[in-house]
Amino acid sequence: MSDKKKITKQLAKSIGRLASVHSNRYHVMPRANKWIIRRDGAIRALGIYKTRNEAVKKVEDVVRSSHGGYAYIHGKDGRIVEEVTYFGD
């Protein structure tokens, strides 16, 4: 295979990976003294957790298993305090 074809294949693979990352956005948010994980645009929570740390650990697993994406971690005031990018396994 020529170098040009190898580079083209690698580029296509990278673009595909980035496209999937941009479609997978999750939020870790406070709700009623607990923490929830919610996919961007969803109404229902994917899970409810006692602590923020539990929710952050779980969102990492969820995002990695869905081929990568972003996790937006909110503070108790609801504002985004951290943005994490995960790549799929």
Protein backbone atom coordinates (compact mmCIF):
# COMPACT_ATOMS: atom_id res chain seq x y z
CA MET A 1 0.00 0.00 0.00
CA SER A 2 1.35 3.41 -0.90
CA ASP A 3 2.16 6.03 1.72
CA LYS A 4 -0.59 8.26 0.34
CA LYS A 5 -3.23 5.52 0.81
CA LYS A 6 -1.97 4.81 4.35
CA ILE A 7 -2.23 8.47 5.28
CA THR A 8 -5.70 8.72 3.74
CA LYS A 9 -6.89 5.66 5.72
CA GLN A 10 -5.42 7.03 8.95
CA LEU A 11 -7.03 10.42 8.35
CA ALA A 12 -10.43 8.85 7.63
CA LYS A 13 -10.17 6.79 10.82
CA SER A 14 -9.27 9.89 12.85
CA ILE A 15 -12.14 11.90 11.37
CA GLY A 16 -14.57 9.07 12.16
CA ARG A 17 -13.30 8.92 15.73
CA LEU A 18 -13.70 12.69 16.15
CA ALA A 19 -17.21 12.61 14.71
CA SER A 20 -18.26 10.00 17.25
CA VAL A 21 -16.68 12.03 20.05
CA HIS A 22 -18.73 15.09 19.12
CA SER A 23 -22.01 13.16 19.16
CA ASN A 24 -21.47 11.71 22.65
CA ARG A 25 -21.82 14.44 25.25
CA TYR A 26 -22.75 13.64 28.82
CA HIS A 27 -23.34 15.80 31.88
CA VAL A 28 -22.74 15.02 35.55
CA MET A 29 -25.15 17.29 37.40
CA PRO A 30 -26.53 17.81 40.91
CA ARG A 31 -30.17 16.99 41.56
CA ALA A 32 -31.92 16.80 44.96
CA ASN A 33 -28.76 16.13 47.02
CA LYS A 34 -27.63 13.44 44.56
CA TRP A 35 -25.73 13.42 41.28
CA ILE A 36 -27.08 12.36 37.90
CA ILE A 37 -25.61 11.49 34.52
CA ARG A 38 -27.57 12.80 31.58
CA ARG A 39 -26.80 12.59 27.87
CA ASP A 40 -26.82 15.95 26.11
CA GLY A 41 -30.36 16.75 25.00
CA ALA A 42 -31.96 13.91 26.99
CA ILE A 43 -34.79 14.46 29.44
CA ARG A 44 -34.20 11.39 31.62
CA ALA A 45 -31.08 10.65 33.62
CA LEU A 46 -28.96 7.61 32.79
CA GLY A 47 -28.20 7.09 36.45
CA ILE A 48 -28.47 8.59 39.92
CA TYR A 49 -25.52 8.47 42.34
CA LYS A 50 -24.94 9.44 45.97
CA THR A 51 -21.69 11.30 45.30
CA ARG A 52 -20.18 13.33 42.51
CA ASN A 53 -17.14 11.03 42.45
CA GLU A 54 -19.33 7.97 41.85
CA ALA A 55 -21.06 9.73 38.96
CA VAL A 56 -17.76 10.89 37.44
CA LYS A 57 -16.33 7.35 37.55
CA LYS A 58 -19.47 5.95 35.94
CA VAL A 59 -19.64 8.61 33.20
CA GLU A 60 -16.06 7.73 32.23
CA ASP A 61 -17.11 4.10 31.72
CA VAL A 62 -20.23 5.12 29.79
CA VAL A 63 -18.39 7.51 27.48
CA ARG A 64 -15.49 5.13 26.80
CA SER A 65 -17.86 2.26 26.01
CA SER A 66 -19.71 4.46 23.50
CA HIS A 67 -16.47 5.04 21.54
CA GLY A 68 -15.49 8.26 23.25
CA GLY A 69 -17.00 11.66 23.83
CA TYR A 70 -17.18 14.53 26.26
CA ALA A 71 -18.19 14.67 29.89
CA TYR A 72 -19.22 18.01 31.35
CA ILE A 73 -18.90 18.03 35.13
CA HIS A 74 -21.13 20.58 36.85
CA GLY A 75 -20.64 22.08 40.30
CA LYS A 76 -23.29 22.26 43.01
CA ASP A 77 -24.39 25.61 41.55
CA GLY A 78 -25.10 23.95 38.18
CA ARG A 79 -22.26 25.63 36.29
CA ILE A 80 -19.81 23.55 34.27
CA VAL A 81 -16.56 23.35 36.23
CA GLU A 82 -14.73 20.75 34.15
CA GLU A 83 -14.83 19.35 30.63
CA VAL A 84 -13.21 15.97 29.99
CA THR A 85 -12.63 14.29 26.63
CA TYR A 86 -12.51 10.49 26.59
CA PHE A 87 -11.50 8.31 23.68
CA GLY A 88 -13.09 4.91 23.19
CA ASP A 89 -11.33 1.70 24.08
